[in-house]
Amino acid sequence: MPIQYYLFLSLALFCIGIMGTLMRRNAIIVFMCIELMLNAVNLLMVAFSKMYNDASAQIFVFFIMVVAAAEVAVGLAVIVMMYRKVHSVDINILNRLKH
């Protein structure tokens, strides 16, 4: 399969992630869009790694996935605690948490 397909898919996923992050107010959806952007970059790195027959980028992708898994655990814990505190996951309500 040509590399252009992977480039187009990665660009589309990244753009969807950016639009979701900038337009949505729900913290869970924003969090999922950030993960979508990370996965788009991972797909692009694996595609270039396959094209150039170099496994170092795939190892780097593995470490990115480990960090993303840790981010999911911490991020969801923060979102759950935010929901328990203010009974909403709207990111505009976060200003209330200062006081």
PDB file of N, CA and C in Angstrom:
ATOM      1  N   MET A   1       0.844  -1.173   0.000  1.00  0.00           N
ATOM      2  CA  MET A   1       0.000   0.000   0.000  1.00  0.00           C
ATOM      3  C   MET A   1       0.895   1.244   0.000  1.00  0.00           C
ATOM      4  N   PRO A   2       0.598   2.229  -0.811  1.00  0.00           N
ATOM      5  CA  PRO A   2       1.440   3.431  -0.894  1.00  0.00           C
ATOM      6  C   PRO A   2       1.421   4.247   0.394  1.00  0.00           C
ATOM      7  N   ILE A   3       2.483   4.974   0.622  1.00  0.00           N
ATOM      8  CA  ILE A   3       2.627   5.787   1.827  1.00  0.00           C
ATOM      9  C   ILE A   3       1.614   6.933   1.856  1.00  0.00           C
ATOM     10  N   GLN A   4       1.140   7.357   0.688  1.00  0.00           N
ATOM     11  CA  GLN A   4       0.192   8.475   0.639  1.00  0.00           C
ATOM     12  C   GLN A   4      -1.102   8.151   1.369  1.00  0.00           C
ATOM     13  N   TYR A   5      -1.531   6.899   1.343  1.00  0.00           N
ATOM     14  CA  TYR A   5      -2.748   6.514   2.055  1.00  0.00           C
ATOM     15  C   TYR A   5      -2.575   6.707   3.560  1.00  0.00           C
ATOM     16  N   TYR A   6      -1.415   6.300   4.060  1.00  0.00           N
ATOM     17  CA  TYR A   6      -1.139   6.474   5.478  1.00  0.00           C
ATOM     18  C   TYR A   6      -1.031   7.950   5.845  1.00  0.00           C
ATOM     19  N   LEU A   7      -0.401   8.726   4.967  1.00  0.00           N
ATOM     20  CA  LEU A   7      -0.296  10.163   5.221  1.00  0.00           C
ATOM     21  C   LEU A   7      -1.668  10.825   5.274  1.00  0.00           C
ATOM     22  N   PHE A   8      -2.526  10.476   4.332  1.00  0.00           N
ATOM     23  CA  PHE A   8      -3.864  11.060   4.295  1.00  0.00           C
ATOM     24  C   PHE A   8      -4.673  10.652   5.526  1.00  0.00           C
ATOM     25  N   LEU A   9      -4.612   9.372   5.893  1.00  0.00           N
ATOM     26  CA  LEU A   9      -5.355   8.904   7.058  1.00  0.00           C
ATOM     27  C   LEU A   9      -4.845   9.569   8.331  1.00  0.00           C
ATOM     28  N   SER A  10      -3.540   9.679   8.470  1.00  0.00           N
ATOM     29  CA  SER A  10      -2.965  10.316   9.646  1.00  0.00           C
ATOM     30  C   SER A  10      -3.337  11.794   9.712  1.00  0.00           C
ATOM     31  N   LEU A  11      -3.292  12.466   8.582  1.00  0.00           N
ATOM     32  CA  LEU A  11      -3.686  13.882   8.543  1.00  0.00           C
ATOM     33  C   LEU A  11      -5.158  14.051   8.890  1.00  0.00           C
ATOM     34  N   ALA A  12      -6.001  13.181   8.371  1.00  0.00           N
ATOM     35  CA  ALA A  12      -7.432  13.264   8.661  1.00  0.00           C
ATOM     36  C   ALA A  12      -7.698  13.032  10.149  1.00  0.00           C
ATOM     37  N   LEU A  13      -7.053  12.031  10.735  1.00  0.00           N
ATOM     38  CA  LEU A  13      -7.244  11.759  12.157  1.00  0.00           C
ATOM     39  C   LEU A  13      -6.734  12.916  13.014  1.00  0.00           C
ATOM     40  N   PHE A  14      -5.601  13.476  12.636  1.00  0.00           N
ATOM     41  CA  PHE A  14      -5.049  14.589  13.393  1.00  0.00           C
ATOM     42  C   PHE A  14      -5.956  15.815  13.309  1.00  0.00           C
ATOM     43  N   CYS A  15      -6.496  16.087  12.128  1.00  0.00           N
ATOM     44  CA  CYS A  15      -7.398  17.240  11.970  1.00  0.00           C
ATOM     45  C   CYS A  15      -8.695  17.042  12.752  1.00  0.00           C
ATOM     46  N   ILE A  16      -9.220  15.822  12.749  1.00  0.00           N
ATOM     47  CA  ILE A  16     -10.418  15.533  13.549  1.00  0.00           C
ATOM     48  C   ILE A  16     -10.119  15.749  15.028  1.00  0.00           C
ATOM     49  N   GLY A  17      -8.938  15.318  15.461  1.00  0.00           N
ATOM     50  CA  GLY A  17      -8.552  15.516  16.854  1.00  0.00           C
ATOM     51  C   GLY A  17      -8.409  16.982  17.219  1.00  0.00           C
ATOM     52  N   ILE A  18      -7.814  17.765  16.336  1.00  0.00           N
ATOM     53  CA  ILE A  18      -7.669  19.207  16.605  1.00  0.00           C
ATOM     54  C   ILE A  18      -9.027  19.886  16.665  1.00  0.00           C
ATOM     55  N   MET A  19      -9.881  19.569  15.712  1.00  0.00           N
ATOM     56  CA  MET A  19     -11.209  20.191  15.701  1.00  0.00           C
ATOM     57  C   MET A  19     -12.007  19.802  16.944  1.00  0.00           C
ATOM     58  N   GLY A  20     -11.931  18.552  17.338  1.00  0.00           N
ATOM     59  CA  GLY A  20     -12.639  18.122  18.541  1.00  0.00           C
ATOM     60  C   GLY A  20     -12.101  18.772  19.792  1.00  0.00           C
ATOM     61  N   THR A  21     -10.787  18.950  19.854  1.00  0.00           N
ATOM     62  CA  THR A  21     -10.190  19.585  21.025  1.00  0.00           C
ATOM     63  C   THR A  21     -10.573  21.054  21.118  1.00  0.00           C
ATOM     64  N   LEU A  22     -10.612  21.734  19.995  1.00  0.00           N
ATOM     65  CA  LEU A  22     -10.902  23.168  20.014  1.00  0.00           C
ATOM     66  C   LEU A  22     -12.389  23.491  20.121  1.00  0.00           C
ATOM     67  N   MET A  23     -13.245  22.609  19.648  1.00  0.00           N
ATOM     68  CA  MET A  23     -14.662  22.944  19.567  1.00  0.00           C
ATOM     69  C   MET A  23     -15.517  22.380  20.701  1.00  0.00           C
ATOM     70  N   ARG A  24     -15.110  21.295  21.298  1.00  0.00           N
ATOM     71  CA  ARG A  24     -15.955  20.657  22.299  1.00  0.00           C
ATOM     72  C   ARG A  24     -15.682  21.208  23.691  1.00  0.00           C
ATOM     73  N   ARG A  25     -16.681  21.109  24.556  1.00  0.00           N
ATOM     74  CA  ARG A  25     -16.538  21.582  25.921  1.00  0.00           C
ATOM     75  C   ARG A  25     -16.532  20.433  26.936  1.00  0.00           C
ATOM     76  N   ASN A  26     -16.854  19.253  26.494  1.00  0.00           N
ATOM     77  CA  ASN A  26     -16.875  18.088  27.370  1.00  0.00           C
ATOM     78  C   ASN A  26     -15.441  17.594  27.570  1.00  0.00           C
ATOM     79  N   ALA A  27     -15.025  17.456  28.813  1.00  0.00           N
ATOM     80  CA  ALA A  27     -13.636  17.091  29.110  1.00  0.00           C
ATOM     81  C   ALA A  27     -13.300  15.698  28.600  1.00  0.00           C
ATOM     82  N   ILE A  28     -14.237  14.777  28.631  1.00  0.00           N
ATOM     83  CA  ILE A  28     -13.977  13.413  28.174  1.00  0.00           C
ATOM     84  C   ILE A  28     -13.762  13.389  26.659  1.00  0.00           C
ATOM     85  N   ILE A  29     -14.552  14.146  25.932  1.00  0.00           N
ATOM     86  CA  ILE A  29     -14.400  14.181  24.470  1.00  0.00           C
ATOM     87  C   ILE A  29     -13.100  14.891  24.091  1.00  0.00           C
ATOM     88  N   VAL A  30     -12.746  15.945  24.803  1.00  0.00           N
ATOM     89  CA  VAL A  30     -11.470  16.623  24.550  1.00  0.00           C
ATOM     90  C   VAL A  30     -10.322  15.670  24.814  1.00  0.00           C
ATOM     91  N   PHE A  31     -10.423  14.905  25.871  1.00  0.00           N
ATOM     92  CA  PHE A  31      -9.404  13.928  26.219  1.00  0.00           C
ATOM     93  C   PHE A  31      -9.275  12.855  25.132  1.00  0.00           C
ATOM     94  N   MET A  32     -10.396  12.394  24.614  1.00  0.00           N
ATOM     95  CA  MET A  32     -10.362  11.392  23.542  1.00  0.00           C
ATOM     96  C   MET A  32      -9.773  11.979  22.267  1.00  0.00           C
ATOM     97  N   CYS A  33     -10.028  13.239  21.995  1.00  0.00           N
ATOM     98  CA  CYS A  33      -9.469  13.872  20.798  1.00  0.00           C
ATOM     99  C   CYS A  33      -7.955  14.034  20.915  1.00  0.00           C
ATOM    100  N   ILE A  34      -7.464  14.304  22.101  1.00  0.00           N
ATOM    101  CA  ILE A  34      -6.015  14.371  22.297  1.00  0.00           C
ATOM    102  C   ILE A  34      -5.396  12.999  22.058  1.00  0.00           C
ATOM    103  N   GLU A  35      -6.046  11.953  22.532  1.00  0.00           N
ATOM    104  CA  GLU A  35      -5.553  10.593  22.278  1.00  0.00           C
ATOM    105  C   GLU A  35      -5.607  10.262  20.783  1.00  0.00           C
ATOM    106  N   LEU A  36      -6.609  10.759  20.096  1.00  0.00           N
ATOM    107  CA  LEU A  36      -6.707  10.540  18.653  1.00  0.00           C
ATOM    108  C   LEU A  36      -5.540  11.199  17.927  1.00  0.00           C
ATOM    109  N   MET A  37      -5.148  12.385  18.369  1.00  0.00           N
ATOM    110  CA  MET A  37      -3.998  13.055  17.761  1.00  0.00           C
ATOM    111  C   MET A  37      -2.708  12.273  18.027  1.00  0.00           C
ATOM    112  N   LEU A  38      -2.558  11.735  19.224  1.00  0.00           N
ATOM    113  CA  LEU A  38      -1.384  10.913  19.522  1.00  0.00           C
ATOM    114  C   LEU A  38      -1.331   9.677  18.628  1.00  0.00           C
ATOM    115  N   ASN A  39      -2.473   9.050  18.431  1.00  0.00           N
ATOM    116  CA  ASN A  39      -2.508   7.859  17.579  1.00  0.00           C
ATOM    117  C   ASN A  39      -2.257   8.193  16.116  1.00  0.00           C
ATOM    118  N   ALA A  40      -2.653   9.378  15.671  1.00  0.00           N
ATOM    119  CA  ALA A  40      -2.367   9.790  14.299  1.00  0.00           C
ATOM    120  C   ALA A  40      -0.864   9.950  14.088  1.00  0.00           C
ATOM    121  N   VAL A  41      -0.195  10.522  15.062  1.00  0.00           N
ATOM    122  CA  VAL A  41       1.260  10.667  14.972  1.00  0.00           C
ATOM    123  C   VAL A  41       1.934   9.301  15.011  1.00  0.00           C
ATOM    124  N   ASN A  42       1.421   8.410  15.855  1.00  0.00           N
ATOM    125  CA  ASN A  42       1.980   7.057  15.917  1.00  0.00           C
ATOM    126  C   ASN A  42       1.829   6.336  14.579  1.00  0.00           C
ATOM    127  N   LEU A  43       0.676   6.464  13.949  1.00  0.00           N
ATOM    128  CA  LEU A  43       0.453   5.839  12.646  1.00  0.00           C
ATOM    129  C   LEU A  43       1.426   6.375  11.612  1.00  0.00           C
ATOM    130  N   LEU A  44       1.646   7.667  11.632  1.00  0.00           N
ATOM    131  CA  LEU A  44       2.575   8.279  10.689  1.00  0.00           C
ATOM    132  C   LEU A  44       4.003   7.800  10.922  1.00  0.00           C
ATOM    133  N   MET A  45       4.393   7.691  12.175  1.00  0.00           N
ATOM    134  CA  MET A  45       5.752   7.225  12.478  1.00  0.00           C
ATOM    135  C   MET A  45       5.949   5.772  12.060  1.00  0.00           C
ATOM    136  N   VAL A  46       4.948   4.944  12.272  1.00  0.00           N
ATOM    137  CA  VAL A  46       5.061   3.541  11.864  1.00  0.00           C
ATOM    138  C   VAL A  46       5.102   3.428  10.347  1.00  0.00           C
ATOM    139  N   ALA A  47       4.337   4.257   9.651  1.00  0.00           N
ATOM    140  CA  ALA A  47       4.343   4.222   8.188  1.00  0.00           C
ATOM    141  C   ALA A  47       5.717   4.607   7.636  1.00  0.00           C
ATOM    142  N   PHE A  48       6.311   5.658   8.189  1.00  0.00           N
ATOM    143  CA  PHE A  48       7.646   6.049   7.727  1.00  0.00           C
ATOM    144  C   PHE A  48       8.696   5.017   8.130  1.00  0.00           C
ATOM    145  N   SER A  49       8.518   4.422   9.284  1.00  0.00           N
ATOM    146  CA  SER A  49       9.441   3.370   9.705  1.00  0.00           C
ATOM    147  C   SER A  49       9.384   2.181   8.762  1.00  0.00           C
ATOM    148  N   LYS A  50       8.197   1.823   8.342  1.00  0.00           N
ATOM    149  CA  LYS A  50       8.033   0.711   7.395  1.00  0.00           C
ATOM    150  C   LYS A  50       8.611   1.083   6.026  1.00  0.00           C
ATOM    151  N   MET A  51       8.437   2.332   5.627  1.00  0.00           N
ATOM    152  CA  MET A  51       8.922   2.759   4.318  1.00  0.00           C
ATOM    153  C   MET A  51      10.451   2.737   4.255  1.00  0.00           C
ATOM    154  N   TYR A  52      11.105   3.152   5.336  1.00  0.00           N
ATOM    155  CA  TYR A  52      12.557   3.218   5.338  1.00  0.00           C
ATOM    156  C   TYR A  52      13.222   1.991   5.965  1.00  0.00           C
ATOM    157  N   ASN A  53      12.440   0.981   6.326  1.00  0.00           N
ATOM    158  CA  ASN A  53      12.940  -0.257   6.929  1.00  0.00           C
ATOM    159  C   ASN A  53      13.820   0.022   8.147  1.00  0.00           C
ATOM    160  N   ASP A  54      13.326   0.892   9.011  1.00  0.00           N
ATOM    161  CA  ASP A  54      14.047   1.252  10.223  1.00  0.00           C
ATOM    162  C   ASP A  54      13.131   1.013  11.423  1.00  0.00           C
ATOM    163  N   ALA A  55      13.562   0.176  12.350  1.00  0.00           N
ATOM    164  CA  ALA A  55      12.713  -0.201  13.475  1.00  0.00           C
ATOM    165  C   ALA A  55      12.808   0.772  14.647  1.00  0.00           C
ATOM    166  N   SER A  56      13.681   1.750  14.585  1.00  0.00           N
ATOM    167  CA  SER A  56      13.844   2.655  15.729  1.00  0.00           C
ATOM    168  C   SER A  56      12.588   3.498  15.953  1.00  0.00           C
ATOM    169  N   ALA A  57      11.899   3.899  14.905  1.00  0.00           N
ATOM    170  CA  ALA A  57      10.667   4.678  15.068  1.00  0.00           C
ATOM    171  C   ALA A  57       9.565   3.833  15.698  1.00  0.00           C
ATOM    172  N   GLN A  58       9.545   2.542  15.395  1.00  0.00           N
ATOM    173  CA  GLN A  58       8.530   1.676  15.995  1.00  0.00           C
ATOM    174  C   GLN A  58       8.771   1.500  17.492  1.00  0.00           C
ATOM    175  N   ILE A  59      10.022   1.491  17.896  1.00  0.00           N
ATOM    176  CA  ILE A  59      10.341   1.435  19.325  1.00  0.00           C
ATOM    177  C   ILE A  59       9.907   2.726  20.005  1.00  0.00           C
ATOM    178  N   PHE A  60      10.113   3.848  19.325  1.00  0.00           N
ATOM    179  CA  PHE A  60       9.683   5.134  19.862  1.00  0.00           C
ATOM    180  C   PHE A  60       8.163   5.182  19.990  1.00  0.00           C
ATOM    181  N   VAL A  61       7.452   4.604  19.027  1.00  0.00           N
ATOM    182  CA  VAL A  61       5.986   4.541  19.080  1.00  0.00           C
ATOM    183  C   VAL A  61       5.539   3.718  20.282  1.00  0.00           C
ATOM    184  N   PHE A  62       6.259   2.649  20.565  1.00  0.00           N
ATOM    185  CA  PHE A  62       5.922   1.832  21.733  1.00  0.00           C
ATOM    186  C   PHE A  62       6.013   2.659  23.011  1.00  0.00           C
ATOM    187  N   PHE A  63       7.064   3.465  23.152  1.00  0.00           N
ATOM    188  CA  PHE A  63       7.199   4.305  24.333  1.00  0.00           C
ATOM    189  C   PHE A  63       6.119   5.387  24.379  1.00  0.00           C
ATOM    190  N   ILE A  64       5.728   5.923  23.240  1.00  0.00           N
ATOM    191  CA  ILE A  64       4.632   6.897  23.204  1.00  0.00           C
ATOM    192  C   ILE A  64       3.335   6.251  23.666  1.00  0.00           C
ATOM    193  N   MET A  65       3.106   5.008  23.281  1.00  0.00           N
ATOM    194  CA  MET A  65       1.894   4.308  23.710  1.00  0.00           C
ATOM    195  C   MET A  65       1.905   4.048  25.216  1.00  0.00           C
ATOM    196  N   VAL A  66       3.061   3.779  25.781  1.00  0.00           N
ATOM    197  CA  VAL A  66       3.166   3.582  27.235  1.00  0.00           C
ATOM    198  C   VAL A  66       2.857   4.886  27.963  1.00  0.00           C
ATOM    199  N   VAL A  67       3.405   5.985  27.481  1.00  0.00           N
ATOM    200  CA  VAL A  67       3.133   7.287  28.089  1.00  0.00           C
ATOM    201  C   VAL A  67       1.662   7.660  27.919  1.00  0.00           C
ATOM    202  N   ALA A  68       1.066   7.337  26.776  1.00  0.00           N
ATOM    203  CA  ALA A  68      -0.347   7.628  26.551  1.00  0.00           C
ATOM    204  C   ALA A  68      -1.229   6.820  27.498  1.00  0.00           C
ATOM    205  N   ALA A  69      -0.842   5.581  27.781  1.00  0.00           N
ATOM    206  CA  ALA A  69      -1.613   4.769  28.726  1.00  0.00           C
ATOM    207  C   ALA A  69      -1.550   5.366  30.127  1.00  0.00           C
ATOM    208  N   ALA A  70      -0.385   5.857  30.516  1.00  0.00           N
ATOM    209  CA  ALA A  70      -0.264   6.519  31.814  1.00  0.00           C
ATOM    210  C   ALA A  70      -1.067   7.812  31.833  1.00  0.00           C
ATOM    211  N   GLU A  71      -1.065   8.521  30.711  1.00  0.00           N
ATOM    212  CA  GLU A  71      -1.846   9.759  30.603  1.00  0.00           C
ATOM    213  C   GLU A  71      -3.336   9.471  30.739  1.00  0.00           C
ATOM    214  N   VAL A  72      -3.779   8.381  30.167  1.00  0.00           N
ATOM    215  CA  VAL A  72      -5.195   8.011  30.277  1.00  0.00           C
ATOM    216  C   VAL A  72      -5.559   7.748  31.726  1.00  0.00           C
ATOM    217  N   ALA A  73      -4.710   7.036  32.436  1.00  0.00           N
ATOM    218  CA  ALA A  73      -5.004   6.735  33.837  1.00  0.00           C
ATOM    219  C   ALA A  73      -5.083   8.010  34.675  1.00  0.00           C
ATOM    220  N   VAL A  74      -4.115   8.886  34.514  1.00  0.00           N
ATOM    221  CA  VAL A  74      -4.099  10.126  35.299  1.00  0.00           C
ATOM    222  C   VAL A  74      -5.210  11.069  34.845  1.00  0.00           C
ATOM    223  N   GLY A  75      -5.389  11.192  33.540  1.00  0.00           N
ATOM    224  CA  GLY A  75      -6.414  12.098  33.016  1.00  0.00           C
ATOM    225  C   GLY A  75      -7.819  11.696  33.414  1.00  0.00           C
ATOM    226  N   LEU A  76      -8.118  10.413  33.333  1.00  0.00           N
ATOM    227  CA  LEU A  76      -9.453   9.966  33.743  1.00  0.00           C
ATOM    228  C   LEU A  76      -9.658  10.126  35.240  1.00  0.00           C
ATOM    229  N   ALA A  77      -8.604   9.945  36.030  1.00  0.00           N
ATOM    230  CA  ALA A  77      -8.721  10.172  37.472  1.00  0.00           C
ATOM    231  C   ALA A  77      -9.030  11.638  37.762  1.00  0.00           C
ATOM    232  N   VAL A  78      -8.379  12.542  37.040  1.00  0.00           N
ATOM    233  CA  VAL A  78      -8.642  13.971  37.221  1.00  0.00           C
ATOM    234  C   VAL A  78     -10.078  14.303  36.802  1.00  0.00           C
ATOM    235  N   ILE A  79     -10.532  13.730  35.696  1.00  0.00           N
ATOM    236  CA  ILE A  79     -11.897  13.997  35.229  1.00  0.00           C
ATOM    237  C   ILE A  79     -12.924  13.455  36.220  1.00  0.00           C
ATOM    238  N   VAL A  80     -12.681  12.277  36.778  1.00  0.00           N
ATOM    239  CA  VAL A  80     -13.606  11.707  37.766  1.00  0.00           C
ATOM    240  C   VAL A  80     -13.642  12.580  39.018  1.00  0.00           C
ATOM    241  N   MET A  81     -12.480  13.041  39.463  1.00  0.00           N
ATOM    242  CA  MET A  81     -12.456  13.911  40.643  1.00  0.00           C
ATOM    243  C   MET A  81     -13.132  15.251  40.363  1.00  0.00           C
ATOM    244  N   MET A  82     -12.977  15.760  39.137  1.00  0.00           N
ATOM    245  CA  MET A  82     -13.660  16.991  38.764  1.00  0.00           C
ATOM    246  C   MET A  82     -15.173  16.776  38.777  1.00  0.00           C
ATOM    247  N   TYR A  83     -15.613  15.633  38.286  1.00  0.00           N
ATOM    248  CA  TYR A  83     -17.049  15.352  38.272  1.00  0.00           C
ATOM    249  C   TYR A  83     -17.588  15.234  39.697  1.00  0.00           C
ATOM    250  N   ARG A  84     -16.824  14.606  40.568  1.00  0.00           N
ATOM    251  CA  ARG A  84     -17.274  14.481  41.961  1.00  0.00           C
ATOM    252  C   ARG A  84     -17.356  15.832  42.648  1.00  0.00           C
ATOM    253  N   LYS A  85     -16.476  16.745  42.282  1.00  0.00           N
ATOM    254  CA  LYS A  85     -16.441  18.059  42.934  1.00  0.00           C
ATOM    255  C   LYS A  85     -17.550  18.982  42.439  1.00  0.00           C
ATOM    256  N   VAL A  86     -17.734  19.081  41.105  1.00  0.00           N
ATOM    257  CA  VAL A  86     -18.681  20.060  40.552  1.00  0.00           C
ATOM    258  C   VAL A  86     -19.856  19.421  39.830  1.00  0.00           C
ATOM    259  N   HIS A  87     -19.918  18.092  39.756  1.00  0.00           N
ATOM    260  CA  HIS A  87     -21.011  17.353  39.113  1.00  0.00           C
ATOM    261  C   HIS A  87     -21.199  17.733  37.650  1.00  0.00           C
ATOM    262  N   SER A  88     -20.085  17.991  36.977  1.00  0.00           N
ATOM    263  CA  SER A  88     -20.109  18.287  35.551  1.00  0.00           C
ATOM    264  C   SER A  88     -18.716  18.029  34.981  1.00  0.00           C
ATOM    265  N   VAL A  89     -18.665  17.716  33.687  1.00  0.00           N
ATOM    266  CA  VAL A  89     -17.373  17.559  33.017  1.00  0.00           C
ATOM    267  C   VAL A  89     -17.172  18.653  31.980  1.00  0.00           C
ATOM    268  N   ASP A  90     -17.887  19.758  32.129  1.00  0.00           N
ATOM    269  CA  ASP A  90     -17.734  20.910  31.238  1.00  0.00           C
ATOM    270  C   ASP A  90     -16.446  21.640  31.600  1.00  0.00           C
ATOM    271  N   ILE A  91     -15.586  21.879  30.615  1.00  0.00           N
ATOM    272  CA  ILE A  91     -14.284  22.476  30.922  1.00  0.00           C
ATOM    273  C   ILE A  91     -14.391  23.955  31.267  1.00  0.00           C
ATOM    274  N   ASN A  92     -15.511  24.599  30.990  1.00  0.00           N
ATOM    275  CA  ASN A  92     -15.683  26.000  31.379  1.00  0.00           C
ATOM    276  C   ASN A  92     -15.909  26.152  32.866  1.00  0.00           C
ATOM    277  N   ILE A  93     -16.328  25.089  33.524  1.00  0.00           N
ATOM    278  CA  ILE A  93     -16.596  25.141  34.954  1.00  0.00           C
ATOM    279  C   ILE A  93     -15.307  25.032  35.769  1.00  0.00           C
ATOM    280  N   LEU A  94     -14.188  24.737  35.130  1.00  0.00           N
ATOM    281  CA  LEU A  94     -12.933  24.577  35.846  1.00  0.00           C
ATOM    282  C   LEU A  94     -12.493  25.847  36.573  1.00  0.00           C
ATOM    283  N   ASN A  95     -12.987  26.990  36.171  1.00  0.00           N
ATOM    284  CA  ASN A  95     -12.637  28.236  36.878  1.00  0.00           C
ATOM    285  C   ASN A  95     -13.132  28.229  38.308  1.00  0.00           C
ATOM    286  N   ARG A  96     -14.188  27.474  38.584  1.00  0.00           N
ATOM    287  CA  ARG A  96     -14.707  27.372  39.945  1.00  0.00           C
ATOM    288  C   ARG A  96     -13.745  26.641  40.872  1.00  0.00           C
ATOM    289  N   LEU A  97     -12.892  25.802  40.336  1.00  0.00           N
ATOM    290  CA  LEU A  97     -12.006  24.998  41.169  1.00  0.00           C
ATOM    291  C   LEU A  97     -10.879  25.812  41.773  1.00  0.00           C
ATOM    292  N   LYS A  98     -10.688  27.051  41.322  1.00  0.00           N
ATOM    293  CA  LYS A  98      -9.649  27.915  41.893  1.00  0.00           C
ATOM    294  C   LYS A  98      -9.973  28.307  43.320  1.00  0.00           C
ATOM    295  N   HIS A  99     -11.246  28.421  43.629  1.00  0.00           N
ATOM    296  CA  HIS A  99     -11.668  28.943  44.946  1.00  0.00           C
ATOM    297  C   HIS A  99     -11.941  27.841  45.911  1.00  0.00           C
TER     298      HIS A  99
END
